[in-house]
Every structure is written in structure tokens, then in C-alpha cells.
């Protein structure tokens, strides 16, 4: 059986609370982003979170606000491609 991308993440085995900072926990969010920065499956994680519209936590090194921007950009690109 092949491992899924999520089993190869740099975050495997880490406390998942690190990746779910509350408002104002900037140091925690930055620590999570630092883990993601060197992750071999960062792109897969980010794509999954954007596609699934994940609203909380740090995924693929991004915040919910950053993922909303990515979703908007992808939607605009699809719209432009269809025209």
C-alpha cells in the first residue's frame, strides 16, 4: 500500500494544536509556517486545503486568509480561461 501525501508531511507526529493557532497567536502561526516551509509535500497539502475550502489552521504554510485569496485567484483564472 502506498503512503498518502499526508503521511509524508513534516508535521507528522507533531502536536496538531501548533497548526491551529487562535487569533493573536502569531508566534504559534509562524512556528507552524516554519515547519511547512521545509515540508516535502507542502504543495499537496496546500492544494488539498484550498480545494476542500478548509477554513481553519495553517495548511501548506498558509493561513485561512491566504487560502481565500488563492481560491479567488484560481476562480478568476478559470473564468478567464473559459472566455
PDB file of N, CA and C in Angstrom:
ATOM      1  N   UNK A   1       0.841  -1.189   0.000  1.00  0.00           N
ATOM      2  CA  UNK A   1       0.000   0.000   0.000  1.00  0.00           C
ATOM      3  C   UNK A   1       0.886   1.252   0.000  1.00  0.00           C
ATOM      4  N   UNK A   2       0.588   2.177  -0.878  1.00  0.00           N
ATOM      5  CA  UNK A   2       1.354   3.420  -0.961  1.00  0.00           C
ATOM      6  C   UNK A   2       0.908   4.400   0.106  1.00  0.00           C
ATOM      7  N   UNK A   3       1.861   5.143   0.630  1.00  0.00           N
ATOM      8  CA  UNK A   3       1.545   6.169   1.610  1.00  0.00           C
ATOM      9  C   UNK A   3       0.887   7.343   0.910  1.00  0.00           C
ATOM     10  N   UNK A   4      -0.083   7.951   1.586  1.00  0.00           N
ATOM     11  CA  UNK A   4      -0.684   9.173   1.081  1.00  0.00           C
ATOM     12  C   UNK A   4       0.244  10.329   1.371  1.00  0.00           C
ATOM     13  N   UNK A   5       0.049  11.443   0.659  1.00  0.00           N
ATOM     14  CA  UNK A   5       0.940  12.586   0.862  1.00  0.00           C
ATOM     15  C   UNK A   5       0.958  13.025   2.324  1.00  0.00           C
ATOM     16  N   UNK A   6      -0.180  12.920   3.008  1.00  0.00           N
ATOM     17  CA  UNK A   6      -0.286  13.377   4.391  1.00  0.00           C
ATOM     18  C   UNK A   6       0.580  12.576   5.351  1.00  0.00           C
ATOM     19  N   UNK A   7       0.969  11.387   4.950  1.00  0.00           N
ATOM     20  CA  UNK A   7       1.845  10.564   5.786  1.00  0.00           C
ATOM     21  C   UNK A   7       3.316  10.939   5.615  1.00  0.00           C
ATOM     22  N   UNK A   8       3.594  11.793   4.659  1.00  0.00           N
ATOM     23  CA  UNK A   8       4.965  12.201   4.364  1.00  0.00           C
ATOM     24  C   UNK A   8       5.264  13.619   4.828  1.00  0.00           C
ATOM     25  N   UNK A   9       4.293  14.256   5.443  1.00  0.00           N
ATOM     26  CA  UNK A   9       4.439  15.646   5.859  1.00  0.00           C
ATOM     27  C   UNK A   9       5.426  15.837   6.995  1.00  0.00           C
ATOM     28  N   UNK A  10       6.044  17.007   7.004  1.00  0.00           N
ATOM     29  CA  UNK A  10       6.978  17.360   8.073  1.00  0.00           C
ATOM     30  C   UNK A  10       6.264  17.445   9.418  1.00  0.00           C
ATOM     31  N   UNK A  11       4.957  17.594   9.402  1.00  0.00           N
ATOM     32  CA  UNK A  11       4.178  17.742  10.626  1.00  0.00           C
ATOM     33  C   UNK A  11       3.764  16.422  11.258  1.00  0.00           C
ATOM     34  N   UNK A  12       4.003  15.319  10.578  1.00  0.00           N
ATOM     35  CA  UNK A  12       3.592  14.020  11.107  1.00  0.00           C
ATOM     36  C   UNK A  12       4.211  13.805  12.484  1.00  0.00           C
ATOM     37  N   UNK A  13       3.362  13.474  13.437  1.00  0.00           N
ATOM     38  CA  UNK A  13       3.812  13.215  14.797  1.00  0.00           C
ATOM     39  C   UNK A  13       3.904  14.449  15.677  1.00  0.00           C
ATOM     40  N   UNK A  14       3.700  15.619  15.088  1.00  0.00           N
ATOM     41  CA  UNK A  14       3.750  16.860  15.868  1.00  0.00           C
ATOM     42  C   UNK A  14       2.378  17.120  16.491  1.00  0.00           C
ATOM     43  N   UNK A  15       2.357  17.936  17.520  1.00  0.00           N
ATOM     44  CA  UNK A  15       1.109  18.329  18.162  1.00  0.00           C
ATOM     45  C   UNK A  15       0.296  19.156  17.166  1.00  0.00           C
ATOM     46  N   UNK A  16      -0.872  18.667  16.798  1.00  0.00           N
ATOM     47  CA  UNK A  16      -1.683  19.359  15.788  1.00  0.00           C
ATOM     48  C   UNK A  16      -2.154  20.727  16.263  1.00  0.00           C
ATOM     49  N   UNK A  17      -2.132  20.969  17.562  1.00  0.00           N
ATOM     50  CA  UNK A  17      -2.540  22.271  18.080  1.00  0.00           C
ATOM     51  C   UNK A  17      -1.641  23.395  17.559  1.00  0.00           C
ATOM     52  N   UNK A  18      -0.382  23.067  17.262  1.00  0.00           N
ATOM     53  CA  UNK A  18       0.531  24.061  16.710  1.00  0.00           C
ATOM     54  C   UNK A  18      -0.018  24.641  15.407  1.00  0.00           C
ATOM     55  N   UNK A  19      -0.707  23.826  14.638  1.00  0.00           N
ATOM     56  CA  UNK A  19      -1.185  24.220  13.316  1.00  0.00           C
ATOM     57  C   UNK A  19      -2.588  24.827  13.350  1.00  0.00           C
ATOM     58  N   UNK A  20      -3.108  25.026  14.546  1.00  0.00           N
ATOM     59  CA  UNK A  20      -4.431  25.628  14.711  1.00  0.00           C
ATOM     60  C   UNK A  20      -4.363  26.757  15.732  1.00  0.00           C
ATOM     61  N   UNK A  21      -3.581  27.786  15.420  1.00  0.00           N
ATOM     62  CA  UNK A  21      -3.453  28.910  16.354  1.00  0.00           C
ATOM     63  C   UNK A  21      -4.752  29.712  16.422  1.00  0.00           C
ATOM     64  N   UNK A  22      -4.981  30.302  17.577  1.00  0.00           N
ATOM     65  CA  UNK A  22      -6.131  31.188  17.750  1.00  0.00           C
ATOM     66  C   UNK A  22      -5.718  32.599  17.338  1.00  0.00           C
ATOM     67  N   UNK A  23      -6.696  33.449  17.146  1.00  0.00           N
ATOM     68  CA  UNK A  23      -6.404  34.843  16.807  1.00  0.00           C
ATOM     69  C   UNK A  23      -5.414  35.419  17.806  1.00  0.00           C
ATOM     70  N   UNK A  24      -4.418  36.094  17.301  1.00  0.00           N
ATOM     71  CA  UNK A  24      -3.423  36.728  18.148  1.00  0.00           C
ATOM     72  C   UNK A  24      -2.237  35.840  18.486  1.00  0.00           C
ATOM     73  N   UNK A  25      -2.301  34.571  18.148  1.00  0.00           N
ATOM     74  CA  UNK A  25      -1.186  33.661  18.424  1.00  0.00           C
ATOM     75  C   UNK A  25      -0.228  33.639  17.233  1.00  0.00           C
ATOM     76  N   UNK A  26       0.320  34.802  16.937  1.00  0.00           N
ATOM     77  CA  UNK A  26       1.174  34.953  15.767  1.00  0.00           C
ATOM     78  C   UNK A  26       2.434  34.112  15.844  1.00  0.00           C
ATOM     79  N   UNK A  27       3.028  34.005  17.019  1.00  0.00           N
ATOM     80  CA  UNK A  27       4.248  33.215  17.160  1.00  0.00           C
ATOM     81  C   UNK A  27       3.966  31.740  16.858  1.00  0.00           C
ATOM     82  N   UNK A  28       2.813  31.275  17.289  1.00  0.00           N
ATOM     83  CA  UNK A  28       2.421  29.887  17.025  1.00  0.00           C
ATOM     84  C   UNK A  28       2.208  29.670  15.522  1.00  0.00           C
ATOM     85  N   UNK A  29       1.540  30.616  14.889  1.00  0.00           N
ATOM     86  CA  UNK A  29       1.309  30.518  13.451  1.00  0.00           C
ATOM     87  C   UNK A  29       2.628  30.526  12.685  1.00  0.00           C
ATOM     88  N   UNK A  30       3.543  31.370  13.091  1.00  0.00           N
ATOM     89  CA  UNK A  30       4.848  31.437  12.420  1.00  0.00           C
ATOM     90  C   UNK A  30       5.651  30.157  12.636  1.00  0.00           C
ATOM     91  N   UNK A  31       5.527  29.557  13.811  1.00  0.00           N
ATOM     92  CA  UNK A  31       6.209  28.281  14.067  1.00  0.00           C
ATOM     93  C   UNK A  31       5.650  27.189  13.156  1.00  0.00           C
ATOM     94  N   UNK A  32       4.336  27.184  12.972  1.00  0.00           N
ATOM     95  CA  UNK A  32       3.711  26.212  12.073  1.00  0.00           C
ATOM     96  C   UNK A  32       4.179  26.444  10.639  1.00  0.00           C
ATOM     97  N   UNK A  33       4.214  27.696  10.228  1.00  0.00           N
ATOM     98  CA  UNK A  33       4.652  28.022   8.867  1.00  0.00           C
ATOM     99  C   UNK A  33       6.105  27.610   8.638  1.00  0.00           C
ATOM    100  N   UNK A  34       6.917  27.701   9.687  1.00  0.00           N
ATOM    101  CA  UNK A  34       8.324  27.290   9.571  1.00  0.00           C
ATOM    102  C   UNK A  34       8.428  25.782   9.327  1.00  0.00           C
ATOM    103  N   UNK A  35       7.567  25.012   9.973  1.00  0.00           N
ATOM    104  CA  UNK A  35       7.543  23.561   9.733  1.00  0.00           C
ATOM    105  C   UNK A  35       7.155  23.305   8.286  1.00  0.00           C
ATOM    106  N   UNK A  36       6.146  24.002   7.822  1.00  0.00           N
ATOM    107  CA  UNK A  36       5.658  23.821   6.445  1.00  0.00           C
ATOM    108  C   UNK A  36       6.705  24.221   5.403  1.00  0.00           C
ATOM    109  N   UNK A  37       7.527  25.197   5.740  1.00  0.00           N
ATOM    110  CA  UNK A  37       8.497  25.722   4.778  1.00  0.00           C
ATOM    111  C   UNK A  37       9.417  24.638   4.237  1.00  0.00           C
ATOM    112  N   UNK A  38       9.771  23.685   5.061  1.00  0.00           N
ATOM    113  CA  UNK A  38      10.675  22.629   4.623  1.00  0.00           C
ATOM    114  C   UNK A  38       9.990  21.311   4.321  1.00  0.00           C
ATOM    115  N   UNK A  39       8.682  21.337   4.210  1.00  0.00           N
ATOM    116  CA  UNK A  39       7.916  20.102   4.035  1.00  0.00           C
ATOM    117  C   UNK A  39       7.961  19.609   2.589  1.00  0.00           C
ATOM    118  N   UNK A  40       8.213  18.306   2.402  1.00  0.00           N
ATOM    119  CA  UNK A  40       8.280  17.769   1.043  1.00  0.00           C
ATOM    120  C   UNK A  40       6.925  17.676   0.342  1.00  0.00           C
ATOM    121  N   UNK A  41       5.834  17.770   1.097  1.00  0.00           N
ATOM    122  CA  UNK A  41       4.504  17.676   0.485  1.00  0.00           C
ATOM    123  C   UNK A  41       3.689  18.958   0.717  1.00  0.00           C
ATOM    124  N   UNK A  42       4.388  20.052   0.851  1.00  0.00           N
ATOM    125  CA  UNK A  42       3.725  21.335   1.108  1.00  0.00           C
ATOM    126  C   UNK A  42       2.705  21.672   0.021  1.00  0.00           C
ATOM    127  N   UNK A  43       3.070  21.509  -1.226  1.00  0.00           N
ATOM    128  CA  UNK A  43       2.164  21.849  -2.328  1.00  0.00           C
ATOM    129  C   UNK A  43       0.906  20.993  -2.321  1.00  0.00           C
ATOM    130  N   UNK A  44       1.062  19.706  -2.041  1.00  0.00           N
ATOM    131  CA  UNK A  44      -0.089  18.804  -1.989  1.00  0.00           C
ATOM    132  C   UNK A  44      -1.023  19.204  -0.847  1.00  0.00           C
ATOM    133  N   UNK A  45      -0.437  19.542   0.290  1.00  0.00           N
ATOM    134  CA  UNK A  45      -1.208  19.963   1.456  1.00  0.00           C
ATOM    135  C   UNK A  45      -1.980  21.242   1.158  1.00  0.00           C
ATOM    136  N   UNK A  46      -1.301  22.188   0.577  1.00  0.00           N
ATOM    137  CA  UNK A  46      -1.935  23.459   0.238  1.00  0.00           C
ATOM    138  C   UNK A  46      -3.064  23.252  -0.763  1.00  0.00           C
ATOM    139  N   UNK A  47      -2.812  22.486  -1.808  1.00  0.00           N
ATOM    140  CA  UNK A  47      -3.838  22.253  -2.819  1.00  0.00           C
ATOM    141  C   UNK A  47      -5.063  21.576  -2.215  1.00  0.00           C
ATOM    142  N   UNK A  48      -4.829  20.604  -1.334  1.00  0.00           N
ATOM    143  CA  UNK A  48      -5.934  19.911  -0.688  1.00  0.00           C
ATOM    144  C   UNK A  48      -6.750  20.870   0.171  1.00  0.00           C
ATOM    145  N   UNK A  49      -6.082  21.725   0.937  1.00  0.00           N
ATOM    146  CA  UNK A  49      -6.777  22.674   1.808  1.00  0.00           C
ATOM    147  C   UNK A  49      -7.562  23.707   0.999  1.00  0.00           C
ATOM    148  N   UNK A  50      -6.999  24.155  -0.107  1.00  0.00           N
ATOM    149  CA  UNK A  50      -7.691  25.131  -0.962  1.00  0.00           C
ATOM    150  C   UNK A  50      -8.899  24.469  -1.623  1.00  0.00           C
ATOM    151  N   UNK A  51      -8.703  23.286  -2.148  1.00  0.00           N
ATOM    152  CA  UNK A  51      -9.784  22.567  -2.834  1.00  0.00           C
ATOM    153  C   UNK A  51     -10.926  22.220  -1.877  1.00  0.00           C
ATOM    154  N   UNK A  52     -10.579  21.819  -0.661  1.00  0.00           N
ATOM    155  CA  UNK A  52     -11.589  21.428   0.327  1.00  0.00           C
ATOM    156  C   UNK A  52     -12.152  22.622   1.098  1.00  0.00           C
ATOM    157  N   UNK A  53     -11.663  23.816   0.796  1.00  0.00           N
ATOM    158  CA  UNK A  53     -12.130  25.037   1.448  1.00  0.00           C
ATOM    159  C   UNK A  53     -11.968  24.966   2.973  1.00  0.00           C
ATOM    160  N   UNK A  54     -10.804  24.524   3.415  1.00  0.00           N
ATOM    161  CA  UNK A  54     -10.510  24.427   4.851  1.00  0.00           C
ATOM    162  C   UNK A  54     -10.425  25.843   5.423  1.00  0.00           C
ATOM    163  N   UNK A  55     -11.232  26.104   6.433  1.00  0.00           N
ATOM    164  CA  UNK A  55     -11.376  27.451   6.978  1.00  0.00           C
ATOM    165  C   UNK A  55     -10.512  27.747   8.191  1.00  0.00           C
ATOM    166  N   UNK A  56      -9.858  26.742   8.753  1.00  0.00           N
ATOM    167  CA  UNK A  56      -9.094  26.934   9.982  1.00  0.00           C
ATOM    168  C   UNK A  56      -7.713  26.333   9.871  1.00  0.00           C
ATOM    169  N   UNK A  57      -6.788  26.910  10.581  1.00  0.00           N
ATOM    170  CA  UNK A  57      -5.466  26.331  10.708  1.00  0.00           C
ATOM    171  C   UNK A  57      -4.492  26.727   9.610  1.00  0.00           C
ATOM    172  N   UNK A  58      -3.262  26.296   9.821  1.00  0.00           N
ATOM    173  CA  UNK A  58      -2.180  26.505   8.864  1.00  0.00           C
ATOM    174  C   UNK A  58      -2.036  25.220   8.062  1.00  0.00           C
ATOM    175  N   UNK A  59      -2.196  25.324   6.783  1.00  0.00           N
ATOM    176  CA  UNK A  59      -2.086  24.178   5.864  1.00  0.00           C
ATOM    177  C   UNK A  59      -1.201  24.599   4.700  1.00  0.00           C
ATOM    178  N   UNK A  60      -0.219  23.797   4.383  1.00  0.00           N
ATOM    179  CA  UNK A  60       0.672  24.135   3.281  1.00  0.00           C
ATOM    180  C   UNK A  60       1.361  25.467   3.497  1.00  0.00           C
ATOM    181  N   UNK A  61       1.530  25.848   4.742  1.00  0.00           N
ATOM    182  CA  UNK A  61       2.203  27.100   5.064  1.00  0.00           C
ATOM    183  C   UNK A  61       1.358  28.342   4.899  1.00  0.00           C
ATOM    184  N   UNK A  62       0.049  28.172   4.752  1.00  0.00           N
ATOM    185  CA  UNK A  62      -0.831  29.319   4.537  1.00  0.00           C
ATOM    186  C   UNK A  62      -1.889  29.445   5.620  1.00  0.00           C
ATOM    187  N   UNK A  63      -2.344  30.659   5.799  1.00  0.00           N
ATOM    188  CA  UNK A  63      -3.432  30.957   6.725  1.00  0.00           C
ATOM    189  C   UNK A  63      -4.760  30.877   5.979  1.00  0.00           C
ATOM    190  N   UNK A  64      -5.862  30.847   6.710  1.00  0.00           N
ATOM    191  CA  UNK A  64      -7.162  30.851   6.030  1.00  0.00           C
ATOM    192  C   UNK A  64      -7.336  32.042   5.078  1.00  0.00           C
ATOM    193  N   UNK A  65      -6.875  33.206   5.484  1.00  0.00           N
ATOM    194  CA  UNK A  65      -6.987  34.403   4.626  1.00  0.00           C
ATOM    195  C   UNK A  65      -6.209  34.198   3.323  1.00  0.00           C
ATOM    196  N   UNK A  66      -5.016  33.658   3.430  1.00  0.00           N
ATOM    197  CA  UNK A  66      -4.202  33.424   2.223  1.00  0.00           C
ATOM    198  C   UNK A  66      -4.861  32.397   1.310  1.00  0.00           C
ATOM    199  N   UNK A  67      -5.476  31.380   1.908  1.00  0.00           N
ATOM    200  CA  UNK A  67      -6.152  30.368   1.075  1.00  0.00           C
ATOM    201  C   UNK A  67      -7.382  30.941   0.385  1.00  0.00           C
ATOM    202  N   UNK A  68      -8.087  31.849   1.047  1.00  0.00           N
ATOM    203  CA  UNK A  68      -9.229  32.506   0.382  1.00  0.00           C
ATOM    204  C   UNK A  68      -8.758  33.279  -0.842  1.00  0.00           C
ATOM    205  N   UNK A  69      -7.626  33.971  -0.702  1.00  0.00           N
ATOM    206  CA  UNK A  69      -7.069  34.722  -1.831  1.00  0.00           C
ATOM    207  C   UNK A  69      -6.692  33.770  -2.971  1.00  0.00           C
ATOM    208  N   UNK A  70      -6.098  32.629  -2.635  1.00  0.00           N
ATOM    209  CA  UNK A  70      -5.720  31.645  -3.651  1.00  0.00           C
ATOM    210  C   UNK A  70      -6.963  31.114  -4.362  1.00  0.00           C
ATOM    211  N   UNK A  71      -8.027  30.829  -3.604  1.00  0.00           N
ATOM    212  CA  UNK A  71      -9.266  30.348  -4.231  1.00  0.00           C
ATOM    213  C   UNK A  71      -9.824  31.384  -5.195  1.00  0.00           C
ATOM    214  N   UNK A  72      -9.810  32.666  -4.779  1.00  0.00           N
ATOM    215  CA  UNK A  72     -10.291  33.731  -5.675  1.00  0.00           C
ATOM    216  C   UNK A  72      -9.449  33.801  -6.947  1.00  0.00           C
ATOM    217  N   UNK A  73      -8.124  33.716  -6.779  1.00  0.00           N
ATOM    218  CA  UNK A  73      -7.234  33.773  -7.938  1.00  0.00           C
ATOM    219  C   UNK A  73      -7.488  32.603  -8.882  1.00  0.00           C
ATOM    220  N   UNK A  74      -7.686  31.418  -8.326  1.00  0.00           N
ATOM    221  CA  UNK A  74      -7.967  30.246  -9.169  1.00  0.00           C
ATOM    222  C   UNK A  74      -9.294  30.390  -9.894  1.00  0.00           C
ATOM    223  N   UNK A  75     -10.299  30.924  -9.195  1.00  0.00           N
ATOM    224  CA  UNK A  75     -11.604  31.118  -9.821  1.00  0.00           C
ATOM    225  C   UNK A  75     -11.509  32.127 -10.963  1.00  0.00           C
ATOM    226  N   UNK A  76     -10.770  33.204 -10.753  1.00  0.00           N
ATOM    227  CA  UNK A  76     -10.585  34.196 -11.820  1.00  0.00           C
ATOM    228  C   UNK A  76      -9.834  33.603 -13.005  1.00  0.00           C
ATOM    229  N   UNK A  77      -8.850  32.773 -12.716  1.00  0.00           N
ATOM    230  CA  UNK A  77      -8.076  32.145 -13.798  1.00  0.00           C
ATOM    231  C   UNK A  77      -8.958  31.187 -14.598  1.00  0.00           C
ATOM    232  N   UNK A  78      -9.817  30.432 -13.910  1.00  0.00           N
ATOM    233  CA  UNK A  78     -10.736  29.531 -14.615  1.00  0.00           C
ATOM    234  C   UNK A  78     -11.705  30.326 -15.481  1.00  0.00           C
ATOM    235  N   UNK A  79     -12.204  31.418 -14.909  1.00  0.00           N
ATOM    236  CA  UNK A  79     -13.142  32.261 -15.646  1.00  0.00           C
ATOM    237  C   UNK A  79     -12.483  32.857 -16.886  1.00  0.00           C
ATOM    238  N   UNK A  80     -11.250  33.316 -16.729  1.00  0.00           N
ATOM    239  CA  UNK A  80     -10.521  33.894 -17.863  1.00  0.00           C
ATOM    240  C   UNK A  80     -10.227  32.823 -18.917  1.00  0.00           C
ATOM    241  N   UNK A  81      -9.949  31.614 -18.489  1.00  0.00           N
ATOM    242  CA  UNK A  81      -9.668  30.521 -19.416  1.00  0.00           C
ATOM    243  C   UNK A  81     -10.879  30.077 -20.190  1.00  0.00           C
ATOM    244  N   UNK A  82     -12.061  30.243 -19.599  1.00  0.00           N
ATOM    245  CA  UNK A  82     -13.320  29.844 -20.246  1.00  0.00           C
ATOM    246  C   UNK A  82     -13.794  30.871 -21.255  1.00  0.00           C
ATOM    247  N   UNK A  83     -13.272  32.077 -21.162  1.00  0.00           N
ATOM    248  CA  UNK A  83     -13.744  33.163 -22.049  1.00  0.00           C
ATOM    249  C   UNK A  83     -13.096  33.095 -23.404  1.00  0.00           C
TER     250      UNK A  83
END
